[in-house]
Structure formats: structure tokens, C-alpha cells
C-alpha atoms as a PDB file:
ATOM      1  CA  MET A   1     -20.780   4.066   2.230  1.00  0.00           C
ATOM      2  CA  LYS A   2     -17.237   3.051   1.670  1.00  0.00           C
ATOM      3  CA  ARG A   3     -15.638   6.637   2.400  1.00  0.00           C
ATOM      4  CA  THR A   4     -17.499   6.321   5.687  1.00  0.00           C
ATOM      5  CA  LEU A   5     -16.243   2.690   5.705  1.00  0.00           C
ATOM      6  CA  GLN A   6     -12.608   3.612   4.834  1.00  0.00           C
ATOM      7  CA  ILE A   7     -13.094   6.575   7.696  1.00  0.00           C
ATOM      8  CA  ALA A   8     -14.196   3.988  10.492  1.00  0.00           C
ATOM      9  CA  LEU A   9     -11.666   1.488   9.742  1.00  0.00           C
ATOM     10  CA  PHE A  10      -8.818   4.078  10.042  1.00  0.00           C
ATOM     11  CA  VAL A  11     -10.006   5.399  13.188  1.00  0.00           C
ATOM     12  CA  LEU A  12     -10.598   1.617  14.237  1.00  0.00           C
ATOM     13  CA  ILE A  13      -6.754   0.958  13.069  1.00  0.00           C
ATOM     14  CA  THR A  14      -5.898   4.126  14.319  1.00  0.00           C
ATOM     15  CA  ALA A  15      -6.713   3.062  18.149  1.00  0.00           C
ATOM     16  CA  CYS A  16      -5.992  -0.383  17.745  1.00  0.00           C
ATOM     17  CA  SER A  17      -2.337   0.244  16.134  1.00  0.00           C
ATOM     18  CA  SER A  18       0.008  -2.594  16.366  1.00  0.00           C
ATOM     19  CA  GLY A  19       3.257  -0.453  16.817  1.00  0.00           C
ATOM     20  CA  ALA A  20       4.836  -2.412  14.422  1.00  0.00           C
ATOM     21  CA  SER A  21       7.843  -0.989  12.911  1.00  0.00           C
ATOM     22  CA  VAL A  22       7.974   0.252   9.240  1.00  0.00           C
ATOM     23  CA  ASP A  23      10.472  -3.040   8.151  1.00  0.00           C
ATOM     24  CA  GLU A  24       7.266  -5.361   9.529  1.00  0.00           C
ATOM     25  CA  LEU A  25       4.903  -3.673   7.965  1.00  0.00           C
ATOM     26  CA  VAL A  26       6.561  -3.175   4.439  1.00  0.00           C
ATOM     27  CA  MET A  27       6.392  -6.469   4.993  1.00  0.00           C
ATOM     28  CA  GLN A  28       2.681  -6.953   5.430  1.00  0.00           C
ATOM     29  CA  LEU A  29       2.729  -4.960   1.636  1.00  0.00           C
ATOM     30  CA  LYS A  30       3.313  -8.528   0.159  1.00  0.00           C
ATOM     31  CA  ASP A  31       0.684 -10.527   2.182  1.00  0.00           C
ATOM     32  CA  ALA A  32      -2.130 -12.048  -0.417  1.00  0.00           C
ATOM     33  CA  ASP A  33      -4.485 -11.179   2.251  1.00  0.00           C
ATOM     34  CA  PRO A  34      -5.795  -7.426   0.649  1.00  0.00           C
ATOM     35  CA  ASP A  35      -6.968  -6.626   4.804  1.00  0.00           C
ATOM     36  CA  ILE A  36      -3.534  -7.246   5.534  1.00  0.00           C
ATOM     37  CA  ARG A  37      -2.209  -4.542   2.629  1.00  0.00           C
ATOM     38  CA  ASN A  38      -4.717  -2.425   3.509  1.00  0.00           C
ATOM     39  CA  ASN A  39      -4.088  -2.321   7.371  1.00  0.00           C
ATOM     40  CA  ALA A  40      -0.228  -2.160   6.600  1.00  0.00           C
ATOM     41  CA  ALA A  41      -0.272   0.653   4.592  1.00  0.00           C
ATOM     42  CA  ILE A  42      -2.841   2.753   7.049  1.00  0.00           C
ATOM     43  CA  GLU A  43      -0.536   2.279   9.650  1.00  0.00           C
ATOM     44  CA  LEU A  44       2.504   3.435   7.241  1.00  0.00           C
ATOM     45  CA  ALA A  45       0.525   6.681   6.927  1.00  0.00           C
ATOM     46  CA  LEU A  46      -0.052   7.278  10.537  1.00  0.00           C
ATOM     47  CA  LYS A  47       4.347   7.011  10.813  1.00  0.00           C
ATOM     48  CA  GLY A  48       4.090   9.700   8.706  1.00  0.00           C
ATOM     49  CA  GLU A  49       8.034  10.530   7.172  1.00  0.00           C
ATOM     50  CA  ASP A  50       9.554   8.070   9.485  1.00  0.00           C
ATOM     51  CA  ALA A  51       8.474   5.744   7.098  1.00  0.00           C
ATOM     52  CA  LYS A  52      10.173   6.928   3.801  1.00  0.00           C
ATOM     53  CA  THR A  53      11.439   3.617   3.312  1.00  0.00           C
ATOM     54  CA  ALA A  54       8.482   2.515   2.154  1.00  0.00           C
ATOM     55  CA  VAL A  55       8.308   4.591  -0.460  1.00  0.00           C
ATOM     56  CA  TYR A  56       9.066   1.960  -3.050  1.00  0.00           C
ATOM     57  CA  PRO A  57       6.711  -0.834  -1.756  1.00  0.00           C
ATOM     58  CA  LEU A  58       3.431   1.694  -1.715  1.00  0.00           C
ATOM     59  CA  SER A  59       4.036   2.893  -4.853  1.00  0.00           C
ATOM     60  CA  ARG A  60       3.730  -1.049  -6.119  1.00  0.00           C
ATOM     61  CA  LEU A  61       0.641  -1.477  -4.104  1.00  0.00           C
ATOM     62  CA  LEU A  62      -1.212   1.828  -6.465  1.00  0.00           C
ATOM     63  CA  LEU A  63      -1.472  -1.052  -9.083  1.00  0.00           C
ATOM     64  CA  ASP A  64      -3.461  -3.641  -6.808  1.00  0.00           C
ATOM     65  CA  ASP A  65      -6.217  -5.493  -7.464  1.00  0.00           C
ATOM     66  CA  ASN A  66      -7.872  -4.506  -4.574  1.00  0.00           C
ATOM     67  CA  ASP A  67      -9.494  -0.846  -4.432  1.00  0.00           C
ATOM     68  CA  GLY A  68      -8.819  -0.378  -0.732  1.00  0.00           C
ATOM     69  CA  VAL A  69      -5.487  -1.380  -0.855  1.00  0.00           C
ATOM     70  CA  ARG A  70      -5.019   1.033  -3.841  1.00  0.00           C
ATOM     71  CA  SER A  71      -6.423   3.932  -1.496  1.00  0.00           C
ATOM     72  CA  ALA A  72      -4.759   2.634   1.210  1.00  0.00           C
ATOM     73  CA  ALA A  73      -1.343   3.092  -0.167  1.00  0.00           C
ATOM     74  CA  SER A  74      -1.797   6.361  -2.276  1.00  0.00           C
ATOM     75  CA  TYR A  75      -3.036   7.641   1.214  1.00  0.00           C
ATOM     76  CA  ALA A  76       0.226   6.586   3.186  1.00  0.00           C
ATOM     77  CA  LEU A  77       2.216   7.844   0.213  1.00  0.00           C
ATOM     78  CA  ARG A  78       0.722  11.107   0.843  1.00  0.00           C
ATOM     79  CA  LYS A  79       0.988  10.838   4.593  1.00  0.00           C
ATOM     80  CA  ILE A  80       4.747  10.282   4.476  1.00  0.00           C
ATOM     81  CA  GLY A  81       4.908  13.167   1.867  1.00  0.00           C
ATOM     82  CA  THR A  82       9.029  13.254   1.001  1.00  0.00           C
ATOM     83  CA  HIS A  83       9.824  14.641  -2.187  1.00  0.00           C
ATOM     84  CA  ASP A  84      10.056  10.949  -4.008  1.00  0.00           C
ATOM     85  CA  ALA A  85       6.254  10.147  -2.401  1.00  0.00           C
ATOM     86  CA  ILE A  86       4.870  12.658  -4.204  1.00  0.00           C
ATOM     87  CA  ARG A  87       6.705  11.898  -7.265  1.00  0.00           C
ATOM     88  CA  VAL A  88       5.366   8.539  -7.494  1.00  0.00           C
ATOM     89  CA  ILE A  89       1.658   9.933  -6.658  1.00  0.00           C
ATOM     90  CA  ASN A  90       2.370  12.290  -9.785  1.00  0.00           C
ATOM     91  CA  ALA A  91       3.483   9.758 -12.017  1.00  0.00           C
ATOM     92  CA  HIS A  92       0.827   7.735 -11.256  1.00  0.00           C
ATOM     93  CA  GLU A  93      -2.045  10.241 -11.540  1.00  0.00           C
ATOM     94  CA  ILE A  94      -0.322  11.040 -15.325  1.00  0.00           C
ATOM     95  CA  ARG A  95      -0.428   7.498 -16.132  1.00  0.00           C
ATOM     96  CA  GLY A  96      -3.672   7.197 -15.293  1.00  0.00           C
ATOM     97  CA  MET A  97      -5.262  10.116 -17.248  1.00  0.00           C
ATOM     98  CA  ARG A  98      -3.460   8.837 -20.454  1.00  0.00           C
ATOM     99  CA  SER A  99      -5.060   5.572 -20.165  1.00  0.00           C
END
């Protein structure tokens, strides 16, 4: 059910994408509202490699208290797909295995 909701949210956001710049979306990653952070991460994912400057801010969200935000950040990093983004994901997964 949770995965279905995430996919539905992704489709909705894709259809209603704000067209915000990468810099604007990076600022939204710091918002107190987890829905805003989640949506910003998904919009960054849609920008793919064009959002490569968001890798570091997204990496901080991998430790967010909200499951959806963590998932969206991981998804965005994978969609950005640069060497740095993949390295962040791999390092996070290795740390998770050690916990």
C-alpha cells in the first residue's frame, strides 16, 4: 500500500511539477514540512543530472526522520546518477549494514 501511495504521489507531482529551479528546490529540502521536502526531492529526481548540485543537500535527507523523505532523497540521488550521487548512496548503504 505504501509503495502504491508513493507511485501515485510521484505521478501527481510529475503532472503538476512546479517548474522550480534546482536552487529553489534545494531551499525547499530544508523546509520543516516533510511533504515539502519530499516533493522537492521528487522534483529534483525529475531533473536528473541537471540537479547534480543538489547531491550534498539530498545526502543529508538520507538521515531524515520521515521515511517518505528518505525514500524520495534516495530516489532522487539514483535519478541524478552522477558519480558523486552513486557514491553517496553506496556509502549510506554500507553504513546501514554496519548498524
